Protein backbone atom coordinates (compact mmCIF):
# COMPACT_ATOMS: atom_id res chain seq x y z
CA MET A 1 22.31 31.08 -15.04
CA ASN A 2 22.25 27.76 -15.08
CA HIS A 3 23.48 25.41 -12.42
CA GLN A 4 25.05 22.14 -14.00
CA ALA A 5 25.96 18.95 -12.26
CA GLY A 6 29.70 18.82 -11.17
CA ASP A 7 29.75 22.77 -10.97
CA SER A 8 31.09 23.81 -7.55
CA SER A 9 28.76 26.53 -5.87
CA THR A 10 30.28 29.72 -4.32
CA ALA A 11 28.79 31.88 -1.51
CA GLN A 12 29.34 35.47 -3.86
CA LEU A 13 29.04 35.61 -7.46
CA PRO A 14 32.29 36.81 -9.00
CA MET A 15 32.14 40.17 -10.06
CA PRO A 16 33.70 42.10 -12.97
CA GLY A 17 36.64 44.37 -11.07
CA ILE A 18 36.23 42.89 -7.72
CA PRO A 19 38.67 40.55 -6.68
CA SER A 20 36.82 37.45 -4.89
CA PRO A 21 36.83 37.15 -1.45
CA ALA A 22 39.73 35.00 0.24
CA PRO A 23 38.99 32.73 3.19
CA PRO A 24 41.07 33.45 6.04
CA SER A 25 43.72 31.06 7.04
CA ALA A 26 42.75 28.96 9.88
CA ASN A 27 46.54 27.89 10.32
CA ALA A 28 47.41 30.21 13.02
CA SER A 29 50.18 29.46 15.33
CA ARG A 30 53.22 30.70 17.14
CA ALA A 31 55.51 30.01 13.84
CA ASN A 32 53.11 32.40 11.42
CA VAL A 33 52.08 35.19 14.41
CA TRP A 34 54.07 37.91 15.20
CA LEU A 35 54.07 41.08 16.98
CA GLY A 36 51.95 44.00 15.75
CA GLN A 37 50.06 41.30 13.23
CA GLU A 38 46.37 41.91 12.54
CA VAL A 39 44.70 38.57 13.58
CA LEU A 40 41.04 37.44 13.08
CA TYR A 41 39.22 35.96 16.52
CA MET A 42 37.48 32.89 14.99
CA GLY A 43 36.25 31.56 18.47
CA LYS A 44 32.46 31.38 19.56
CA LEU A 45 32.60 31.45 23.31
CA LYS A 46 29.96 32.65 25.79
CA GLY A 47 31.43 35.80 27.06
CA GLY A 48 34.06 36.28 24.64
CA PRO A 49 34.60 38.66 21.68
CA ARG A 50 32.35 38.48 19.44
CA PHE A 51 33.34 35.88 16.35
CA GLY A 52 35.34 37.53 13.44
CA VAL A 53 36.27 40.63 15.76
CA ARG A 54 40.25 41.82 14.42
CA GLY A 55 42.76 42.50 16.86
CA ILE A 56 46.66 43.27 17.18
CA VAL A 57 49.09 40.64 18.54
CA LYS A 58 50.52 42.32 21.59
CA GLU A 59 52.78 39.08 22.68
CA THR A 60 53.46 35.73 21.58
CA LEU A 61 53.28 33.20 24.23
CA GLY A 62 53.81 29.43 23.55
CA ARG A 63 49.93 27.92 22.99
CA ARG A 64 48.46 31.65 22.91
CA ALA A 65 48.69 34.93 22.02
CA VAL A 66 47.98 38.21 23.79
CA VAL A 67 45.48 39.91 21.42
CA ASP A 68 44.24 43.90 21.75
CA MET A 69 40.88 43.69 20.22
CA GLY A 70 40.28 47.26 20.79
CA ARG A 71 36.97 48.17 22.58
CA TRP A 72 36.11 44.25 23.14
CA GLY A 73 39.57 44.28 25.50
CA ILE A 74 42.95 42.59 25.49
CA TRP A 75 42.76 38.48 25.49
CA ARG A 76 44.55 35.85 25.81
CA VAL A 77 43.47 33.68 22.79
CA PRO A 78 44.36 30.19 21.85
CA TYR A 79 45.98 29.97 18.56
CA TYR A 80 43.64 27.60 17.37
CA PHE A 81 40.75 30.46 17.83
CA LEU A 82 42.79 32.81 15.69
CA SER A 83 43.29 33.18 11.95
CA VAL A 84 45.87 35.46 10.09
CA ALA A 85 44.27 38.33 8.54
CA HIS A 86 44.26 38.08 5.08
CA GLU A 87 46.00 40.91 2.95
CA PRO A 88 44.98 41.34 -0.73
CA ASP A 89 47.71 40.89 -3.10
CA ARG A 90 49.23 43.68 -4.68
CA GLU A 91 47.88 42.37 -8.51
CA GLN A 92 44.62 42.26 -7.12
CA VAL A 93 44.89 45.63 -5.80
CA SER A 94 46.78 47.41 -8.86
CA SER A 95 43.95 45.87 -11.39
CA LEU A 96 41.20 47.76 -9.37
């Protein structure tokens, strides 16, 4: 496997039959977060939930959402620390 100038490197090699991972969209806002939706916590604050923890939105507020993160507890999280959880495309799932 040769790396040529101009190639874009990837963190994971593409494998046949396995869809490539999609990075979480970091554009969570009140406009695209709703009750019952699964979100990812992308913050790195001491004493807070672990980075990448998934949670369910219990309430949406003006600048933050109330998120139930299971064993990590229920937190009021600003939207800029949340990422909308990626759901695989139906085409990718049906091709497996």
